[in-house]
Amino acid sequence: MSWTEQELKQVDGTDELQVSSYRPDGTLRPYVIIWTARLGDGVYVRSAYGPDNGWFRRAKASGSGRVRVGGVERDVRFEVPDDGVHAPLDDAYRAKYARYEKRIVDTVVGPAVVGTTLRVVPQD
């Protein structure tokens, strides 16, 4: 499965994404609001507060969950992206969130967040 162009436009036009991961019993955890960025036909999320952030640990461990963004709601897989995505993804985050203070945007760009980046892949 892939994102539709309309869904990708929703990601572009919405600051915040709600993310939830599945528990081992198949139920969803509570949603957490985070920033997201689109790069080409991919949707990505990063943990601004490192690899120990609860939503990130649970999403990575589960590998699957659900997201809501701009009226779109999809079941997804969480995947570790290829290394080549990080520099252009930094640029995408900077462009999307340029109106925020640099110190805030810096929490989701740069070498420190490479290990806390997940590609969000729709599944149905």
C-alpha atoms as a PDB file:
ATOM      1  CA  MET A   1       0.000   0.000   0.000  1.00  0.00           C
ATOM      2  CA  SER A   2       1.019   3.599  -0.427  1.00  0.00           C
ATOM      3  CA  TRP A   3      -0.273   7.010   0.528  1.00  0.00           C
ATOM      4  CA  THR A   4      -2.647   8.663  -1.909  1.00  0.00           C
ATOM      5  CA  GLU A   5      -1.757  12.096  -3.205  1.00  0.00           C
ATOM      6  CA  GLN A   6      -4.658  13.540  -1.179  1.00  0.00           C
ATOM      7  CA  GLU A   7      -3.339  11.915   2.003  1.00  0.00           C
ATOM      8  CA  LEU A   8       0.153  13.261   1.315  1.00  0.00           C
ATOM      9  CA  LYS A   9      -1.338  16.742   0.883  1.00  0.00           C
ATOM     10  CA  GLN A  10      -3.009  16.353   4.290  1.00  0.00           C
ATOM     11  CA  VAL A  11       0.377  15.503   5.830  1.00  0.00           C
ATOM     12  CA  ASP A  12       1.916  18.559   4.151  1.00  0.00           C
ATOM     13  CA  GLY A  13      -0.882  20.845   5.305  1.00  0.00           C
ATOM     14  CA  THR A  14      -1.169  19.663   8.905  1.00  0.00           C
ATOM     15  CA  ASP A  15       1.422  20.384  11.584  1.00  0.00           C
ATOM     16  CA  GLU A  16       0.606  17.540  13.898  1.00  0.00           C
ATOM     17  CA  LEU A  17       0.098  13.825  13.459  1.00  0.00           C
ATOM     18  CA  GLN A  18      -1.479  11.583  16.072  1.00  0.00           C
ATOM     19  CA  VAL A  19       0.354   8.278  16.419  1.00  0.00           C
ATOM     20  CA  SER A  20      -0.562   5.123  18.295  1.00  0.00           C
ATOM     21  CA  SER A  21       1.035   1.691  18.367  1.00  0.00           C
ATOM     22  CA  TYR A  22      -0.594  -1.678  18.839  1.00  0.00           C
ATOM     23  CA  ARG A  23      -0.199  -3.547  22.105  1.00  0.00           C
ATOM     24  CA  PRO A  24       0.570  -7.287  22.027  1.00  0.00           C
ATOM     25  CA  ASP A  25      -3.142  -7.982  22.652  1.00  0.00           C
ATOM     26  CA  GLY A  26      -4.074  -6.072  19.461  1.00  0.00           C
ATOM     27  CA  THR A  27      -5.515  -2.981  21.132  1.00  0.00           C
ATOM     28  CA  LEU A  28      -4.285   0.518  20.384  1.00  0.00           C
ATOM     29  CA  ARG A  29      -2.390   2.579  22.898  1.00  0.00           C
ATOM     30  CA  PRO A  30      -3.545   6.177  23.457  1.00  0.00           C
ATOM     31  CA  TYR A  31      -2.615   8.559  20.636  1.00  0.00           C
ATOM     32  CA  VAL A  32       0.342  10.909  21.026  1.00  0.00           C
ATOM     33  CA  ILE A  33       0.643  14.146  19.056  1.00  0.00           C
ATOM     34  CA  ILE A  34       3.930  14.661  17.197  1.00  0.00           C
ATOM     35  CA  TRP A  35       5.327  16.509  14.188  1.00  0.00           C
ATOM     36  CA  THR A  36       5.578  14.757  10.847  1.00  0.00           C
ATOM     37  CA  ALA A  37       7.101  15.474   7.463  1.00  0.00           C
ATOM     38  CA  ARG A  38       6.619  14.221   3.953  1.00  0.00           C
ATOM     39  CA  LEU A  39       9.523  13.407   1.687  1.00  0.00           C
ATOM     40  CA  GLY A  40       8.445  12.410  -1.805  1.00  0.00           C
ATOM     41  CA  ASP A  41       5.826   9.702  -1.363  1.00  0.00           C
ATOM     42  CA  GLY A  42       6.972   8.893   2.181  1.00  0.00           C
ATOM     43  CA  VAL A  43       5.739  10.051   5.568  1.00  0.00           C
ATOM     44  CA  TYR A  44       8.187  10.224   8.459  1.00  0.00           C
ATOM     45  CA  VAL A  45       8.129  10.848  12.189  1.00  0.00           C
ATOM     46  CA  ARG A  46      10.954  11.588  14.609  1.00  0.00           C
ATOM     47  CA  SER A  47      11.240  11.485  18.347  1.00  0.00           C
ATOM     48  CA  ALA A  48      12.208  14.969  19.475  1.00  0.00           C
ATOM     49  CA  TYR A  49      13.215  13.664  22.896  1.00  0.00           C
ATOM     50  CA  GLY A  50      15.396  10.737  21.969  1.00  0.00           C
ATOM     51  CA  PRO A  51      15.062   6.973  21.678  1.00  0.00           C
ATOM     52  CA  ASP A  52      13.671   6.564  25.192  1.00  0.00           C
ATOM     53  CA  ASN A  53      10.540   8.593  24.432  1.00  0.00           C
ATOM     54  CA  GLY A  54       7.615   6.264  25.174  1.00  0.00           C
ATOM     55  CA  TRP A  55       5.699   6.577  21.905  1.00  0.00           C
ATOM     56  CA  PHE A  56       8.888   5.945  19.914  1.00  0.00           C
ATOM     57  CA  ARG A  57       9.953   2.872  21.908  1.00  0.00           C
ATOM     58  CA  ARG A  58       6.483   1.366  21.627  1.00  0.00           C
ATOM     59  CA  ALA A  59       6.129   2.119  17.902  1.00  0.00           C
ATOM     60  CA  LYS A  60       9.530   0.618  17.119  1.00  0.00           C
ATOM     61  CA  ALA A  61       8.886  -2.467  19.255  1.00  0.00           C
ATOM     62  CA  SER A  62       5.388  -3.036  17.887  1.00  0.00           C
ATOM     63  CA  GLY A  63       6.208  -2.243  14.285  1.00  0.00           C
ATOM     64  CA  SER A  64       2.578  -1.346  13.634  1.00  0.00           C
ATOM     65  CA  GLY A  65      -0.030   1.129  14.716  1.00  0.00           C
ATOM     66  CA  ARG A  66      -2.428   3.754  13.524  1.00  0.00           C
ATOM     67  CA  VAL A  67      -2.054   7.420  12.603  1.00  0.00           C
ATOM     68  CA  ARG A  68      -4.431  10.336  12.216  1.00  0.00           C
ATOM     69  CA  VAL A  69      -3.483  13.455  10.320  1.00  0.00           C
ATOM     70  CA  GLY A  70      -5.688  16.125   8.799  1.00  0.00           C
ATOM     71  CA  GLY A  71      -8.789  13.945   8.657  1.00  0.00           C
ATOM     72  CA  VAL A  72      -6.886  10.892   7.402  1.00  0.00           C
ATOM     73  CA  GLU A  73      -6.767   7.783   9.598  1.00  0.00           C
ATOM     74  CA  ARG A  74      -4.730   4.742   8.538  1.00  0.00           C
ATOM     75  CA  ASP A  75      -3.251   1.561   9.940  1.00  0.00           C
ATOM     76  CA  VAL A  76       0.505   1.715   9.405  1.00  0.00           C
ATOM     77  CA  ARG A  77       3.810  -0.056   9.784  1.00  0.00           C
ATOM     78  CA  PHE A  78       6.746   1.718  11.389  1.00  0.00           C
ATOM     79  CA  GLU A  79      10.007   1.085   9.527  1.00  0.00           C
ATOM     80  CA  VAL A  80      13.575   2.265  10.008  1.00  0.00           C
ATOM     81  CA  PRO A  81      14.364   4.316   6.877  1.00  0.00           C
ATOM     82  CA  ASP A  82      17.408   4.140   4.633  1.00  0.00           C
ATOM     83  CA  ASP A  83      20.354   6.294   5.724  1.00  0.00           C
ATOM     84  CA  GLY A  84      20.099   8.520   2.646  1.00  0.00           C
ATOM     85  CA  VAL A  85      16.797   9.986   3.784  1.00  0.00           C
ATOM     86  CA  HIS A  86      18.081  11.997   6.741  1.00  0.00           C
ATOM     87  CA  ALA A  87      19.586  15.118   5.125  1.00  0.00           C
ATOM     88  CA  PRO A  88      16.615  15.721   2.787  1.00  0.00           C
ATOM     89  CA  LEU A  89      14.218  14.936   5.633  1.00  0.00           C
ATOM     90  CA  ASP A  90      15.960  17.546   7.795  1.00  0.00           C
ATOM     91  CA  ASP A  91      15.300  20.037   4.991  1.00  0.00           C
ATOM     92  CA  ALA A  92      11.640  18.967   4.800  1.00  0.00           C
ATOM     93  CA  TYR A  93      11.182  19.471   8.550  1.00  0.00           C
ATOM     94  CA  ARG A  94      12.926  22.865   8.437  1.00  0.00           C
ATOM     95  CA  ALA A  95      10.749  24.038   5.545  1.00  0.00           C
ATOM     96  CA  LYS A  96       7.492  22.797   7.051  1.00  0.00           C
ATOM     97  CA  TYR A  97       8.111  24.195  10.531  1.00  0.00           C
ATOM     98  CA  ALA A  98      10.116  27.315   9.590  1.00  0.00           C
ATOM     99  CA  ARG A  99       7.645  29.593  11.369  1.00  0.00           C
ATOM    100  CA  TYR A 100       8.585  28.059  14.735  1.00  0.00           C
ATOM    101  CA  GLU A 101      11.612  29.039  16.783  1.00  0.00           C
ATOM    102  CA  LYS A 102      14.844  27.452  15.593  1.00  0.00           C
ATOM    103  CA  ARG A 103      15.471  25.855  18.991  1.00  0.00           C
ATOM    104  CA  ILE A 104      12.172  23.965  18.700  1.00  0.00           C
ATOM    105  CA  VAL A 105      12.759  22.832  15.116  1.00  0.00           C
ATOM    106  CA  ASP A 106      16.278  21.735  16.077  1.00  0.00           C
ATOM    107  CA  THR A 107      14.729  18.991  18.246  1.00  0.00           C
ATOM    108  CA  VAL A 108      13.681  17.128  15.071  1.00  0.00           C
ATOM    109  CA  VAL A 109      16.630  17.747  12.743  1.00  0.00           C
ATOM    110  CA  GLY A 110      20.300  16.817  12.656  1.00  0.00           C
ATOM    111  CA  PRO A 111      22.471  13.835  13.541  1.00  0.00           C
ATOM    112  CA  ALA A 112      20.929  13.342  16.997  1.00  0.00           C
ATOM    113  CA  VAL A 113      17.564  12.269  15.540  1.00  0.00           C
ATOM    114  CA  VAL A 114      18.833   9.846  12.903  1.00  0.00           C
ATOM    115  CA  GLY A 115      18.254   6.937  15.288  1.00  0.00           C
ATOM    116  CA  THR A 116      14.776   8.153  16.196  1.00  0.00           C
ATOM    117  CA  THR A 117      13.363   8.408  12.685  1.00  0.00           C
ATOM    118  CA  LEU A 118      10.631   6.088  11.450  1.00  0.00           C
ATOM    119  CA  ARG A 119       8.997   5.820   8.052  1.00  0.00           C
ATOM    120  CA  VAL A 120       5.229   5.508   8.393  1.00  0.00           C
ATOM    121  CA  VAL A 121       3.948   3.056   5.768  1.00  0.00           C
ATOM    122  CA  PRO A 122       0.207   2.580   5.236  1.00  0.00           C
ATOM    123  CA  GLN A 123      -1.186  -0.934   5.357  1.00  0.00           C
ATOM    124  CA  ASP A 124      -4.667  -2.255   4.690  1.00  0.00           C
END
